[in-house]
């Protein structure tokens, strides 16, 4: 059974850091792109970052560029999201999901498959 499980969330002060983990099971991570998404209260889920685990290509939404770093460890079937300089607007439930990879244009497409329960990130003083 293909599964993704997020962990590492918590409460952090503005300017602080957190590292989220996404544990993949039931499939070979190197064959997929994985995206991080977040959903703030009362808002729609939005994409945050994506990594193609086949070649390490990454992409980020403008609001997190320079602050967040997505990485993967294919040997451990893990994907990480290092979040630095956190802001209150980064608060939300963070999810990881498989994404379509468009090789010709080197970009991530829609998410597919099942979603995990997510991990809560709260940035507040």
Foldseek 3Di string as FASTA:
>chain_A
DWDKAKDWADEAAQQAKTKMKIAIPDDQQLQFKKWKWWDDPPGDIDTAKIANSVVGDIDGDPVQPPFWDWDDDRVRRMIMIIGGRDDQVVWGFMWMFTFDADVVVGDTHDGDDDIYPTHTHGYHD
